[in-house]
Amino acid sequence: MMMYLWKKLPLNIRNNCHLIIHRVNSLNFLLKVTYFRHFITCIYLACSSQSKIRIGESKKISGWVSTNYQVFAIYFLDATRKLYFVRDLQYIVADNVIEHLSFDKGQRLLENMFKSLRKGGKIRLATPDLKSISSVYLKRNEMMLSDYKKDLQNHNLKIEYFPDLLRTTYNAFGHHKGYIYDFETLEIILVKIGFREVELFRPGVSNDFNLLNLENRCSTSDLWSQMCIEAIKPE
């Protein structure tokens, strides 16, 4: 009932509510005050039988522990810092996280993921695909631009021309603080860390049953503007 009433509210009111919640969730003062919860989550993951975690997510999915670096997160976790005692995870998924981090913090995130996996464990990263987005920009595909505009219309972003593809990729959603990748660059980084069998997929698609349909973004334009990369920690 509450969800039904919520969806009946005007879009601008819902967007403003989301913005207020996000700002409170991200307040540095509150994050620092509650940082001790990072250690609690690490201990929980190390001592429990949980072997599948999602980073940067609060939405619950059966069989997974959803962790987030937010004030209201049930399982508070800063995956760019040391994950104390966590060394036996089978799966780690980060859905649209790494592009919000600087290059150095993104490197630490990937290194921590590698250390926290058991041998044979697997990661999956969902993030904007710079190469694919740039290709659409260069080829001037009007239909893809239209799909992109339609899919992002609820975010109050002005998308009219092809340069807006690159502008929103680098400036919207806090991406200006992070680093945008293409597959080839992430593959090199992952292999240097120690990962093997690096593969490229699209949202919702995987050869591993456990990693199917996990992404939050699966609209028409996401199927070309988002990439999902899987890699394995060798035996």
C-alpha atoms as a PDB file:
ATOM      1  CA  MET A   1       0.000   0.000   0.000  1.00  0.00           C
ATOM      2  CA  MET A   2       2.772   2.422   0.960  1.00  0.00           C
ATOM      3  CA  MET A   3       4.653   1.696  -2.263  1.00  0.00           C
ATOM      4  CA  TYR A   4       1.488   2.312  -4.281  1.00  0.00           C
ATOM      5  CA  LEU A   5       0.941   5.696  -2.610  1.00  0.00           C
ATOM      6  CA  TRP A   6       4.629   6.569  -3.042  1.00  0.00           C
ATOM      7  CA  LYS A   7       4.437   5.995  -6.810  1.00  0.00           C
ATOM      8  CA  LYS A   8       1.365   8.217  -6.992  1.00  0.00           C
ATOM      9  CA  LEU A   9       3.379  11.213  -5.783  1.00  0.00           C
ATOM     10  CA  PRO A  10       4.615  13.669  -8.452  1.00  0.00           C
ATOM     11  CA  LEU A  11       8.027  12.745  -9.861  1.00  0.00           C
ATOM     12  CA  ASN A  12       9.697  15.958  -8.692  1.00  0.00           C
ATOM     13  CA  ILE A  13       8.627  15.272  -5.083  1.00  0.00           C
ATOM     14  CA  ARG A  14       9.970  11.704  -5.223  1.00  0.00           C
ATOM     15  CA  ASN A  15      13.245  12.942  -6.749  1.00  0.00           C
ATOM     16  CA  ASN A  16      13.649  15.582  -4.035  1.00  0.00           C
ATOM     17  CA  CYS A  17      13.000  12.993  -1.313  1.00  0.00           C
ATOM     18  CA  HIS A  18      15.600  10.671  -2.842  1.00  0.00           C
ATOM     19  CA  LEU A  19      18.078  13.554  -2.991  1.00  0.00           C
ATOM     20  CA  ILE A  20      17.568  14.431   0.698  1.00  0.00           C
ATOM     21  CA  ILE A  21      17.950  10.788   1.780  1.00  0.00           C
ATOM     22  CA  HIS A  22      21.090  10.423  -0.363  1.00  0.00           C
ATOM     23  CA  ARG A  23      22.671  13.543   1.147  1.00  0.00           C
ATOM     24  CA  VAL A  24      22.010  12.389   4.705  1.00  0.00           C
ATOM     25  CA  ASN A  25      23.243   8.905   3.816  1.00  0.00           C
ATOM     26  CA  SER A  26      26.511  10.396   2.553  1.00  0.00           C
ATOM     27  CA  LEU A  27      27.271  12.948   5.273  1.00  0.00           C
ATOM     28  CA  ASN A  28      30.980  12.625   6.126  1.00  0.00           C
ATOM     29  CA  PHE A  29      30.399  13.389   9.800  1.00  0.00           C
ATOM     30  CA  LEU A  30      27.849  10.612  10.215  1.00  0.00           C
ATOM     31  CA  LEU A  31      29.929   8.187   8.145  1.00  0.00           C
ATOM     32  CA  LYS A  32      32.935   8.762  10.401  1.00  0.00           C
ATOM     33  CA  VAL A  33      30.884   8.470  13.579  1.00  0.00           C
ATOM     34  CA  THR A  34      29.449   5.136  12.453  1.00  0.00           C
ATOM     35  CA  TYR A  35      32.659   3.819  10.869  1.00  0.00           C
ATOM     36  CA  PHE A  36      33.100   1.199  13.606  1.00  0.00           C
ATOM     37  CA  ARG A  37      30.347  -0.723  11.791  1.00  0.00           C
ATOM     38  CA  HIS A  38      32.847  -1.499   9.029  1.00  0.00           C
ATOM     39  CA  PHE A  39      34.712  -3.774  11.449  1.00  0.00           C
ATOM     40  CA  ILE A  40      31.465  -5.346  12.642  1.00  0.00           C
ATOM     41  CA  THR A  41      30.489  -6.212   9.069  1.00  0.00           C
ATOM     42  CA  CYS A  42      33.964  -7.656   8.397  1.00  0.00           C
ATOM     43  CA  ILE A  43      33.719  -9.860  11.481  1.00  0.00           C
ATOM     44  CA  TYR A  44      30.231 -10.974  10.471  1.00  0.00           C
ATOM     45  CA  LEU A  45      31.412 -11.929   6.984  1.00  0.00           C
ATOM     46  CA  ALA A  46      34.454 -13.731   8.359  1.00  0.00           C
ATOM     47  CA  CYS A  47      32.566 -15.705  10.996  1.00  0.00           C
ATOM     48  CA  SER A  48      29.348 -16.505   9.146  1.00  0.00           C
ATOM     49  CA  SER A  49      28.745 -18.980   6.346  1.00  0.00           C
ATOM     50  CA  GLN A  50      27.920 -16.145   3.930  1.00  0.00           C
ATOM     51  CA  SER A  51      30.019 -16.403   0.762  1.00  0.00           C
ATOM     52  CA  LYS A  52      28.248 -14.027  -1.631  1.00  0.00           C
ATOM     53  CA  ILE A  53      28.307 -10.252  -1.099  1.00  0.00           C
ATOM     54  CA  ARG A  54      27.241  -7.177  -3.025  1.00  0.00           C
ATOM     55  CA  ILE A  55      29.196  -3.943  -2.587  1.00  0.00           C
ATOM     56  CA  GLY A  56      27.554  -0.536  -2.835  1.00  0.00           C
ATOM     57  CA  GLU A  57      24.045  -1.972  -2.543  1.00  0.00           C
ATOM     58  CA  SER A  58      21.351  -1.762   0.118  1.00  0.00           C
ATOM     59  CA  LYS A  59      18.628  -3.663  -1.732  1.00  0.00           C
ATOM     60  CA  LYS A  60      18.175  -7.166  -0.335  1.00  0.00           C
ATOM     61  CA  ILE A  61      18.557 -10.182  -2.630  1.00  0.00           C
ATOM     62  CA  SER A  62      18.031 -13.695  -1.326  1.00  0.00           C
ATOM     63  CA  GLY A  63      21.299 -15.538  -0.762  1.00  0.00           C
ATOM     64  CA  TRP A  64      23.430 -12.378  -0.856  1.00  0.00           C
ATOM     65  CA  VAL A  65      24.710  -9.963   1.790  1.00  0.00           C
ATOM     66  CA  SER A  66      24.167  -6.411   0.511  1.00  0.00           C
ATOM     67  CA  THR A  67      26.753  -3.980   1.891  1.00  0.00           C
ATOM     68  CA  ASN A  68      27.024  -0.237   1.438  1.00  0.00           C
ATOM     69  CA  TYR A  69      29.087   2.747   2.522  1.00  0.00           C
ATOM     70  CA  GLN A  70      26.049   4.684   3.709  1.00  0.00           C
ATOM     71  CA  VAL A  71      24.746   5.821   7.079  1.00  0.00           C
ATOM     72  CA  PHE A  72      21.516   3.809   6.868  1.00  0.00           C
ATOM     73  CA  ALA A  73      23.074   0.629   5.460  1.00  0.00           C
ATOM     74  CA  ILE A  74      22.307  -2.520   7.439  1.00  0.00           C
ATOM     75  CA  TYR A  75      25.753  -3.895   6.595  1.00  0.00           C
ATOM     76  CA  PHE A  76      28.082  -0.899   6.536  1.00  0.00           C
ATOM     77  CA  LEU A  77      31.264  -1.547   4.527  1.00  0.00           C
ATOM     78  CA  ASP A  78      34.000   0.618   3.024  1.00  0.00           C
ATOM     79  CA  ALA A  79      35.447  -1.786   0.461  1.00  0.00           C
ATOM     80  CA  THR A  80      38.330   0.583  -0.326  1.00  0.00           C
ATOM     81  CA  ARG A  81      39.711  -0.117   3.166  1.00  0.00           C
ATOM     82  CA  LYS A  82      41.112  -3.348   4.528  1.00  0.00           C
ATOM     83  CA  LEU A  83      38.456  -6.050   4.849  1.00  0.00           C
ATOM     84  CA  TYR A  84      39.636  -7.539   8.123  1.00  0.00           C
ATOM     85  CA  PHE A  85      39.552 -11.351   8.363  1.00  0.00           C
ATOM     86  CA  VAL A  86      37.439 -11.681   5.176  1.00  0.00           C
ATOM     87  CA  ARG A  87      39.240 -14.297   3.071  1.00  0.00           C
ATOM     88  CA  ASP A  88      36.732 -16.948   1.957  1.00  0.00           C
ATOM     89  CA  LEU A  89      34.151 -15.299  -0.281  1.00  0.00           C
ATOM     90  CA  GLN A  90      32.926 -17.130  -3.370  1.00  0.00           C
ATOM     91  CA  TYR A  91      31.319 -14.174  -5.148  1.00  0.00           C
ATOM     92  CA  ILE A  92      31.703 -10.394  -4.911  1.00  0.00           C
ATOM     93  CA  VAL A  93      29.508  -8.101  -7.015  1.00  0.00           C
ATOM     94  CA  ALA A  94      29.967  -4.328  -7.318  1.00  0.00           C
ATOM     95  CA  ASP A  95      27.136  -2.725  -9.300  1.00  0.00           C
ATOM     96  CA  ASN A  96      28.050   0.804 -10.447  1.00  0.00           C
ATOM     97  CA  VAL A  97      30.582   1.460  -7.707  1.00  0.00           C
ATOM     98  CA  ILE A  98      34.047   1.734  -9.218  1.00  0.00           C
ATOM     99  CA  GLU A  99      33.234   4.707 -11.468  1.00  0.00           C
ATOM    100  CA  HIS A 100      32.506   6.776  -8.334  1.00  0.00           C
ATOM    101  CA  LEU A 101      36.020   6.188  -6.996  1.00  0.00           C
ATOM    102  CA  SER A 102      39.294   7.842  -7.931  1.00  0.00           C
ATOM    103  CA  PHE A 103      41.694   5.628  -9.871  1.00  0.00           C
ATOM    104  CA  ASP A 104      43.751   4.882  -6.733  1.00  0.00           C
ATOM    105  CA  LYS A 105      40.697   4.008  -4.637  1.00  0.00           C
ATOM    106  CA  GLY A 106      39.343   1.869  -7.452  1.00  0.00           C
ATOM    107  CA  GLN A 107      42.651  -0.008  -7.500  1.00  0.00           C
ATOM    108  CA  ARG A 108      42.389  -0.612  -3.741  1.00  0.00           C
ATOM    109  CA  LEU A 109      38.816  -1.821  -4.167  1.00  0.00           C
ATOM    110  CA  LEU A 110      39.909  -4.429  -6.715  1.00  0.00           C
ATOM    111  CA  GLU A 111      42.895  -5.498  -4.607  1.00  0.00           C
ATOM    112  CA  ASN A 112      40.657  -5.934  -1.560  1.00  0.00           C
ATOM    113  CA  MET A 113      38.202  -7.970  -3.592  1.00  0.00           C
ATOM    114  CA  PHE A 114      41.026 -10.243  -4.742  1.00  0.00           C
ATOM    115  CA  LYS A 115      42.322 -10.745  -1.180  1.00  0.00           C
ATOM    116  CA  SER A 116      38.844 -11.481   0.161  1.00  0.00           C
ATOM    117  CA  LEU A 117      38.040 -14.198  -2.363  1.00  0.00           C
ATOM    118  CA  ARG A 118      38.752 -17.877  -1.888  1.00  0.00           C
ATOM    119  CA  LYS A 119      40.706 -19.575  -4.660  1.00  0.00           C
ATOM    120  CA  GLY A 120      38.348 -20.075  -7.577  1.00  0.00           C
ATOM    121  CA  GLY A 121      36.169 -17.199  -6.361  1.00  0.00           C
ATOM    122  CA  LYS A 122      34.711 -14.707  -8.813  1.00  0.00           C
ATOM    123  CA  ILE A 123      33.968 -10.993  -9.025  1.00  0.00           C
ATOM    124  CA  ARG A 124      31.494  -9.132 -11.227  1.00  0.00           C
ATOM    125  CA  LEU A 125      31.753  -5.390 -11.867  1.00  0.00           C
ATOM    126  CA  ALA A 126      28.994  -3.343 -13.519  1.00  0.00           C
ATOM    127  CA  THR A 127      30.117   0.096 -14.703  1.00  0.00           C
ATOM    128  CA  PRO A 128      29.658   2.502 -17.639  1.00  0.00           C
ATOM    129  CA  ASP A 129      31.317   1.268 -20.843  1.00  0.00           C
ATOM    130  CA  LEU A 130      33.361   4.212 -22.119  1.00  0.00           C
ATOM    131  CA  LYS A 131      34.266   2.514 -25.397  1.00  0.00           C
ATOM    132  CA  SER A 132      30.672   1.631 -26.250  1.00  0.00           C
ATOM    133  CA  ILE A 133      29.350   5.074 -25.280  1.00  0.00           C
ATOM    134  CA  SER A 134      32.075   6.749 -27.340  1.00  0.00           C
ATOM    135  CA  SER A 135      31.222   4.504 -30.286  1.00  0.00           C
ATOM    136  CA  VAL A 136      27.572   5.597 -30.188  1.00  0.00           C
ATOM    137  CA  TYR A 137      28.744   9.218 -30.032  1.00  0.00           C
ATOM    138  CA  LEU A 138      31.035   8.801 -33.044  1.00  0.00           C
ATOM    139  CA  LYS A 139      28.529   6.834 -35.132  1.00  0.00           C
ATOM    140  CA  ARG A 140      25.728   9.342 -34.354  1.00  0.00           C
ATOM    141  CA  ASN A 141      23.106   6.648 -33.801  1.00  0.00           C
ATOM    142  CA  GLU A 142      19.881   8.620 -33.329  1.00  0.00           C
ATOM    143  CA  MET A 143      17.873   5.668 -32.008  1.00  0.00           C
ATOM    144  CA  MET A 144      20.435   4.909 -29.289  1.00  0.00           C
ATOM    145  CA  LEU A 145      20.550   8.571 -28.289  1.00  0.00           C
ATOM    146  CA  SER A 146      16.747   8.565 -28.058  1.00  0.00           C
ATOM    147  CA  ASP A 147      16.808   5.426 -25.879  1.00  0.00           C
ATOM    148  CA  TYR A 148      19.446   6.996 -23.632  1.00  0.00           C
ATOM    149  CA  LYS A 149      17.360  10.155 -23.234  1.00  0.00           C
ATOM    150  CA  LYS A 150      14.204   8.175 -22.466  1.00  0.00           C
ATOM    151  CA  ASP A 151      15.890   5.915 -19.910  1.00  0.00           C
ATOM    152  CA  LEU A 152      17.396   8.860 -18.012  1.00  0.00           C
ATOM    153  CA  GLN A 153      14.439  11.226 -18.167  1.00  0.00           C
ATOM    154  CA  ASN A 154      13.551  10.591 -14.512  1.00  0.00           C
ATOM    155  CA  HIS A 155      16.939  11.940 -13.391  1.00  0.00           C
ATOM    156  CA  ASN A 156      16.343  15.525 -14.505  1.00  0.00           C
ATOM    157  CA  LEU A 157      19.204  15.350 -17.010  1.00  0.00           C
ATOM    158  CA  LYS A 158      19.034  17.408 -20.187  1.00  0.00           C
ATOM    159  CA  ILE A 159      19.954  15.070 -23.039  1.00  0.00           C
ATOM    160  CA  GLU A 160      19.385  16.445 -26.527  1.00  0.00           C
ATOM    161  CA  TYR A 161      22.599  16.050 -28.522  1.00  0.00           C
ATOM    162  CA  PHE A 162      25.354  13.483 -28.904  1.00  0.00           C
ATOM    163  CA  PRO A 163      27.896  15.328 -26.727  1.00  0.00           C
ATOM    164  CA  ASP A 164      25.418  14.831 -23.864  1.00  0.00           C
ATOM    165  CA  LEU A 165      26.331  11.114 -23.914  1.00  0.00           C
ATOM    166  CA  LEU A 166      29.864  11.967 -22.840  1.00  0.00           C
ATOM    167  CA  ARG A 167      28.845  14.862 -20.599  1.00  0.00           C
ATOM    168  CA  THR A 168      26.489  12.753 -18.492  1.00  0.00           C
ATOM    169  CA  THR A 169      28.940   9.837 -18.411  1.00  0.00           C
ATOM    170  CA  TYR A 170      31.626  12.023 -16.860  1.00  0.00           C
ATOM    171  CA  ASN A 171      29.604  14.587 -14.896  1.00  0.00           C
ATOM    172  CA  ALA A 172      26.296  13.057 -13.782  1.00  0.00           C
ATOM    173  CA  PHE A 173      25.688  10.828 -10.749  1.00  0.00           C
ATOM    174  CA  GLY A 174      28.895  11.981  -9.041  1.00  0.00           C
ATOM    175  CA  HIS A 175      31.103  10.481 -11.770  1.00  0.00           C
ATOM    176  CA  HIS A 176      33.183  13.675 -11.850  1.00  0.00           C
ATOM    177  CA  LYS A 177      34.870  12.434  -8.664  1.00  0.00           C
ATOM    178  CA  GLY A 178      35.661   9.032 -10.113  1.00  0.00           C
ATOM    179  CA  TYR A 179      37.212   7.303 -13.110  1.00  0.00           C
ATOM    180  CA  ILE A 180      35.444   5.935 -16.202  1.00  0.00           C
ATOM    181  CA  TYR A 181      36.847   2.746 -17.758  1.00  0.00           C
ATOM    182  CA  ASP A 182      36.748   0.738 -20.947  1.00  0.00           C
ATOM    183  CA  PHE A 183      36.989  -3.055 -20.912  1.00  0.00           C
ATOM    184  CA  GLU A 184      40.571  -3.216 -22.142  1.00  0.00           C
ATOM    185  CA  THR A 185      41.852  -0.968 -19.344  1.00  0.00           C
ATOM    186  CA  LEU A 186      40.027  -2.849 -16.598  1.00  0.00           C
ATOM    187  CA  GLU A 187      41.238  -6.146 -18.020  1.00  0.00           C
ATOM    188  CA  ILE A 188      44.874  -5.006 -17.774  1.00  0.00           C
ATOM    189  CA  ILE A 189      44.373  -3.821 -14.193  1.00  0.00           C
ATOM    190  CA  LEU A 190      42.618  -7.013 -13.106  1.00  0.00           C
ATOM    191  CA  VAL A 191      45.303  -9.251 -14.617  1.00  0.00           C
ATOM    192  CA  LYS A 192      48.047  -7.233 -12.905  1.00  0.00           C
ATOM    193  CA  ILE A 193      46.312  -7.778  -9.565  1.00  0.00           C
ATOM    194  CA  GLY A 194      46.181 -11.520 -10.187  1.00  0.00           C
ATOM    195  CA  PHE A 195      42.751 -12.200 -11.672  1.00  0.00           C
ATOM    196  CA  ARG A 196      42.356 -14.522 -14.630  1.00  0.00           C
ATOM    197  CA  GLU A 197      39.630 -15.412 -17.175  1.00  0.00           C
ATOM    198  CA  VAL A 198      38.440 -11.813 -17.480  1.00  0.00           C
ATOM    199  CA  GLU A 199      35.199 -11.714 -19.494  1.00  0.00           C
ATOM    200  CA  LEU A 200      32.865  -9.000 -20.755  1.00  0.00           C
ATOM    201  CA  PHE A 201      29.063  -9.290 -20.450  1.00  0.00           C
ATOM    202  CA  ARG A 202      26.068  -6.992 -20.594  1.00  0.00           C
ATOM    203  CA  PRO A 203      23.641  -6.287 -17.716  1.00  0.00           C
ATOM    204  CA  GLY A 204      21.726  -9.351 -16.583  1.00  0.00           C
ATOM    205  CA  VAL A 205      23.837 -11.710 -18.711  1.00  0.00           C
ATOM    206  CA  SER A 206      26.352 -14.260 -17.419  1.00  0.00           C
ATOM    207  CA  ASN A 207      27.568 -17.789 -18.018  1.00  0.00           C
ATOM    208  CA  ASP A 208      27.365 -18.313 -14.256  1.00  0.00           C
ATOM    209  CA  PHE A 209      23.857 -19.000 -12.931  1.00  0.00           C
ATOM    210  CA  ASN A 210      24.713 -17.256  -9.642  1.00  0.00           C
ATOM    211  CA  LEU A 211      25.461 -13.983 -11.450  1.00  0.00           C
ATOM    212  CA  LEU A 212      22.398 -13.725 -13.675  1.00  0.00           C
ATOM    213  CA  ASN A 213      20.028 -10.731 -13.485  1.00  0.00           C
ATOM    214  CA  LEU A 214      21.720  -8.968 -10.578  1.00  0.00           C
ATOM    215  CA  GLU A 215      22.083  -5.487 -12.068  1.00  0.00           C
ATOM    216  CA  ASN A 216      19.721  -2.667 -11.159  1.00  0.00           C
ATOM    217  CA  ARG A 217      20.169  -1.000 -14.545  1.00  0.00           C
ATOM    218  CA  CYS A 218      18.804  -3.133 -17.394  1.00  0.00           C
ATOM    219  CA  SER A 219      16.945  -0.618 -19.564  1.00  0.00           C
ATOM    220  CA  THR A 220      17.366  -0.440 -23.337  1.00  0.00           C
ATOM    221  CA  SER A 221      20.324   1.970 -23.294  1.00  0.00           C
ATOM    222  CA  ASP A 222      21.981   0.159 -20.369  1.00  0.00           C
ATOM    223  CA  LEU A 223      22.422  -2.884 -22.603  1.00  0.00           C
ATOM    224  CA  TRP A 224      25.051  -0.926 -24.571  1.00  0.00           C
ATOM    225  CA  SER A 225      26.146   1.843 -22.179  1.00  0.00           C
ATOM    226  CA  GLN A 226      26.874  -0.516 -19.262  1.00  0.00           C
ATOM    227  CA  MET A 227      29.414  -3.330 -19.174  1.00  0.00           C
ATOM    228  CA  CYS A 228      29.680  -6.186 -16.703  1.00  0.00           C
ATOM    229  CA  ILE A 229      33.104  -7.716 -16.185  1.00  0.00           C
ATOM    230  CA  GLU A 230      33.724 -11.038 -14.496  1.00  0.00           C
ATOM    231  CA  ALA A 231      37.099 -12.367 -13.363  1.00  0.00           C
ATOM    232  CA  ILE A 232      38.326 -15.325 -11.316  1.00  0.00           C
ATOM    233  CA  LYS A 233      40.942 -15.685  -8.606  1.00  0.00           C
ATOM    234  CA  PRO A 234      43.005 -18.655  -9.853  1.00  0.00           C
ATOM    235  CA  GLU A 235      43.225 -21.913  -7.906  1.00  0.00           C
END
